[in-house]
Amino acid sequence: MAAVEHPCPWSHSKWDLHLPTNYPWTGVTHQVRRVTTFISHTLHLVYIGFLSLFIYLSYIIPLICWICMYVKRFL
């Protein structure tokens, strides 16, 4: 069985942009692709960080306060 060639031979990971070959900017340099991938990863991490912080502030801290108040009643 013959190997099927990848439509974007310059794509190194699943995070890279998979653009059709008729787009005018498919000839951009590898450095530009690396920068855009880095920016998208960074934005993704920032988003996950803020989401985690929101969950922490809205669920974990009140739970800790509630446990502390509950324990203080028996001390």
N, C-alpha and C. Protein backbone atom coordinates (compact mmCIF):
# COMPACT_ATOMS: atom_id res chain seq x y z
N MET A 1 0.84 -1.19 0.00
CA MET A 1 0.00 0.00 0.00
C MET A 1 0.88 1.24 0.00
N ALA A 2 0.63 2.16 -0.93
CA ALA A 2 1.45 3.36 -1.06
C ALA A 2 1.13 4.34 0.06
N ALA A 3 2.18 5.02 0.51
CA ALA A 3 1.99 6.02 1.58
C ALA A 3 1.29 7.25 1.01
N VAL A 4 0.30 7.71 1.74
CA VAL A 4 -0.43 8.90 1.31
C VAL A 4 0.32 10.13 1.80
N GLU A 5 0.65 11.02 0.88
CA GLU A 5 1.41 12.22 1.26
C GLU A 5 0.50 13.20 1.99
N HIS A 6 1.06 13.81 3.04
CA HIS A 6 0.32 14.78 3.83
C HIS A 6 0.03 16.02 2.97
N PRO A 7 -1.19 16.58 3.05
CA PRO A 7 -1.51 17.74 2.22
C PRO A 7 -0.64 18.97 2.52
N CYS A 8 -0.14 19.06 3.75
CA CYS A 8 0.74 20.17 4.11
C CYS A 8 2.08 19.59 4.57
N PRO A 9 3.04 19.44 3.67
CA PRO A 9 4.30 18.78 4.03
C PRO A 9 5.09 19.54 5.08
N TRP A 10 4.84 20.87 5.24
CA TRP A 10 5.60 21.64 6.23
C TRP A 10 5.00 21.55 7.61
N SER A 11 3.86 20.91 7.76
CA SER A 11 3.18 20.86 9.05
C SER A 11 3.85 19.80 9.94
N HIS A 12 4.27 20.22 11.14
CA HIS A 12 5.02 19.32 12.01
C HIS A 12 4.19 18.77 13.16
N SER A 13 3.10 19.41 13.48
CA SER A 13 2.30 18.94 14.60
C SER A 13 0.84 19.21 14.34
N LYS A 14 0.00 18.62 15.18
CA LYS A 14 -1.44 18.80 15.00
C LYS A 14 -1.87 20.22 15.36
N TRP A 15 -0.98 20.99 16.01
CA TRP A 15 -1.33 22.36 16.39
C TRP A 15 -1.09 23.34 15.25
N ASP A 16 -0.36 22.93 14.22
CA ASP A 16 -0.10 23.83 13.10
C ASP A 16 -1.37 24.10 12.31
N LEU A 17 -1.38 25.22 11.62
CA LEU A 17 -2.53 25.55 10.78
C LEU A 17 -2.51 24.68 9.53
N HIS A 18 -3.62 24.04 9.24
CA HIS A 18 -3.72 23.22 8.04
C HIS A 18 -4.47 24.02 6.98
N LEU A 19 -3.71 24.76 6.18
CA LEU A 19 -4.32 25.63 5.18
C LEU A 19 -4.37 24.94 3.82
N PRO A 20 -5.42 25.21 3.05
CA PRO A 20 -5.46 24.69 1.69
C PRO A 20 -4.29 25.25 0.88
N THR A 21 -3.83 24.49 -0.12
CA THR A 21 -2.64 24.91 -0.87
C THR A 21 -2.90 26.11 -1.77
N ASN A 22 -4.17 26.46 -2.02
CA ASN A 22 -4.42 27.61 -2.89
C ASN A 22 -4.42 28.93 -2.12
N TYR A 23 -4.21 28.89 -0.81
CA TYR A 23 -4.12 30.14 -0.06
C TYR A 23 -2.83 30.85 -0.41
N PRO A 24 -2.85 32.19 -0.54
CA PRO A 24 -1.62 32.91 -0.95
C PRO A 24 -0.53 32.90 0.11
N TRP A 25 -0.91 32.69 1.40
CA TRP A 25 0.11 32.77 2.45
C TRP A 25 0.67 31.42 2.87
N THR A 26 0.45 30.37 2.06
CA THR A 26 1.02 29.07 2.42
C THR A 26 2.53 29.05 2.23
N GLY A 27 3.08 30.03 1.52
CA GLY A 27 4.53 30.07 1.34
C GLY A 27 5.26 30.82 2.43
N VAL A 28 4.59 31.13 3.55
CA VAL A 28 5.25 31.86 4.63
C VAL A 28 6.36 31.02 5.23
N THR A 29 7.30 31.72 5.87
CA THR A 29 8.47 31.02 6.40
C THR A 29 8.12 30.18 7.61
N HIS A 30 9.01 29.24 7.89
CA HIS A 30 8.81 28.35 9.04
C HIS A 30 8.81 29.15 10.34
N GLN A 31 9.61 30.22 10.39
CA GLN A 31 9.69 31.04 11.61
C GLN A 31 8.34 31.68 11.93
N VAL A 32 7.65 32.18 10.91
CA VAL A 32 6.34 32.80 11.13
C VAL A 32 5.36 31.76 11.65
N ARG A 33 5.41 30.55 11.10
CA ARG A 33 4.52 29.49 11.58
C ARG A 33 4.82 29.16 13.04
N ARG A 34 6.12 29.13 13.38
CA ARG A 34 6.49 28.84 14.76
C ARG A 34 5.99 29.92 15.70
N VAL A 35 6.08 31.18 15.27
CA VAL A 35 5.62 32.29 16.11
C VAL A 35 4.11 32.22 16.30
N THR A 36 3.37 31.99 15.22
CA THR A 36 1.90 31.93 15.35
C THR A 36 1.48 30.74 16.22
N THR A 37 2.19 29.61 16.09
CA THR A 37 1.89 28.46 16.93
C THR A 37 2.18 28.78 18.39
N PHE A 38 3.31 29.45 18.64
CA PHE A 38 3.68 29.83 20.01
C PHE A 38 2.63 30.77 20.60
N ILE A 39 2.18 31.75 19.82
CA ILE A 39 1.17 32.70 20.31
C ILE A 39 -0.13 31.98 20.62
N SER A 40 -0.55 31.07 19.74
CA SER A 40 -1.81 30.35 20.00
C SER A 40 -1.69 29.47 21.24
N HIS A 41 -0.52 28.83 21.44
CA HIS A 41 -0.32 28.03 22.64
C HIS A 41 -0.37 28.91 23.89
N THR A 42 0.30 30.08 23.81
CA THR A 42 0.34 30.98 24.96
C THR A 42 -1.05 31.46 25.32
N LEU A 43 -1.84 31.86 24.31
CA LEU A 43 -3.20 32.31 24.57
C LEU A 43 -4.04 31.20 25.17
N HIS A 44 -3.82 29.97 24.69
CA HIS A 44 -4.56 28.83 25.22
C HIS A 44 -4.21 28.60 26.70
N LEU A 45 -2.92 28.69 27.04
CA LEU A 45 -2.50 28.51 28.42
C LEU A 45 -3.05 29.62 29.31
N VAL A 46 -3.05 30.87 28.81
CA VAL A 46 -3.61 31.98 29.58
C VAL A 46 -5.09 31.75 29.84
N TYR A 47 -5.80 31.30 28.81
CA TYR A 47 -7.24 31.01 28.95
C TYR A 47 -7.48 29.92 30.00
N ILE A 48 -6.71 28.83 29.91
CA ILE A 48 -6.84 27.74 30.88
C ILE A 48 -6.49 28.23 32.28
N GLY A 49 -5.47 29.08 32.38
CA GLY A 49 -5.07 29.62 33.68
C GLY A 49 -6.17 30.44 34.32
N PHE A 50 -6.78 31.35 33.54
CA PHE A 50 -7.86 32.17 34.09
C PHE A 50 -9.07 31.32 34.46
N LEU A 51 -9.36 30.31 33.64
CA LEU A 51 -10.47 29.42 33.94
C LEU A 51 -10.22 28.67 35.25
N SER A 52 -8.99 28.17 35.42
CA SER A 52 -8.63 27.47 36.65
C SER A 52 -8.72 28.39 37.85
N LEU A 53 -8.26 29.63 37.69
CA LEU A 53 -8.30 30.60 38.78
C LEU A 53 -9.75 30.91 39.17
N PHE A 54 -10.60 31.06 38.19
CA PHE A 54 -12.02 31.33 38.46
C PHE A 54 -12.65 30.17 39.22
N ILE A 55 -12.36 28.94 38.79
CA ILE A 55 -12.91 27.76 39.48
C ILE A 55 -12.37 27.70 40.91
N TYR A 56 -11.08 27.99 41.06
CA TYR A 56 -10.46 27.97 42.39
C TYR A 56 -11.12 28.99 43.31
N LEU A 57 -11.29 30.23 42.80
CA LEU A 57 -11.84 31.29 43.64
C LEU A 57 -13.31 31.06 43.97
N SER A 58 -14.06 30.51 43.03
CA SER A 58 -15.50 30.41 43.25
C SER A 58 -15.94 29.11 43.93
N TYR A 59 -15.07 28.11 43.98
CA TYR A 59 -15.47 26.84 44.60
C TYR A 59 -14.57 26.43 45.76
N ILE A 60 -13.26 26.48 45.58
CA ILE A 60 -12.35 25.94 46.58
C ILE A 60 -12.30 26.83 47.83
N ILE A 61 -12.15 28.16 47.64
CA ILE A 61 -12.03 29.07 48.78
C ILE A 61 -13.29 29.06 49.65
N PRO A 62 -14.51 29.18 49.07
CA PRO A 62 -15.70 29.08 49.93
C PRO A 62 -15.80 27.73 50.64
N LEU A 63 -15.37 26.68 49.99
CA LEU A 63 -15.41 25.36 50.63
C LEU A 63 -14.47 25.33 51.84
N ILE A 64 -13.26 25.90 51.68
CA ILE A 64 -12.32 25.95 52.80
C ILE A 64 -12.89 26.78 53.94
N CYS A 65 -13.50 27.93 53.61
CA CYS A 65 -14.11 28.78 54.64
C CYS A 65 -15.23 28.04 55.38
N TRP A 66 -16.04 27.33 54.62
CA TRP A 66 -17.15 26.59 55.21
C TRP A 66 -16.63 25.51 56.16
N ILE A 67 -15.57 24.80 55.74
CA ILE A 67 -14.99 23.75 56.59
C ILE A 67 -14.41 24.36 57.86
N CYS A 68 -13.72 25.52 57.73
CA CYS A 68 -13.13 26.18 58.90
C CYS A 68 -14.22 26.60 59.89
N MET A 69 -15.30 27.18 59.38
CA MET A 69 -16.40 27.60 60.26
C MET A 69 -17.05 26.39 60.93
N TYR A 70 -17.18 25.32 60.21
CA TYR A 70 -17.78 24.09 60.74
C TYR A 70 -16.91 23.51 61.86
N VAL A 71 -15.58 23.53 61.64
CA VAL A 71 -14.65 22.98 62.64
C VAL A 71 -14.63 23.88 63.88
N LYS A 72 -14.69 25.22 63.69
CA LYS A 72 -14.66 26.16 64.82
C LYS A 72 -15.83 25.95 65.77
N ARG A 73 -16.95 25.49 65.28
CA ARG A 73 -18.11 25.29 66.13
C ARG A 73 -17.85 24.23 67.20
N PHE A 74 -16.97 23.27 66.89
CA PHE A 74 -16.71 22.17 67.81
C PHE A 74 -15.45 22.37 68.64
N LEU A 75 -14.81 23.53 68.49
CA LEU A 75 -13.59 23.78 69.27
C LEU A 75 -13.90 24.60 70.53
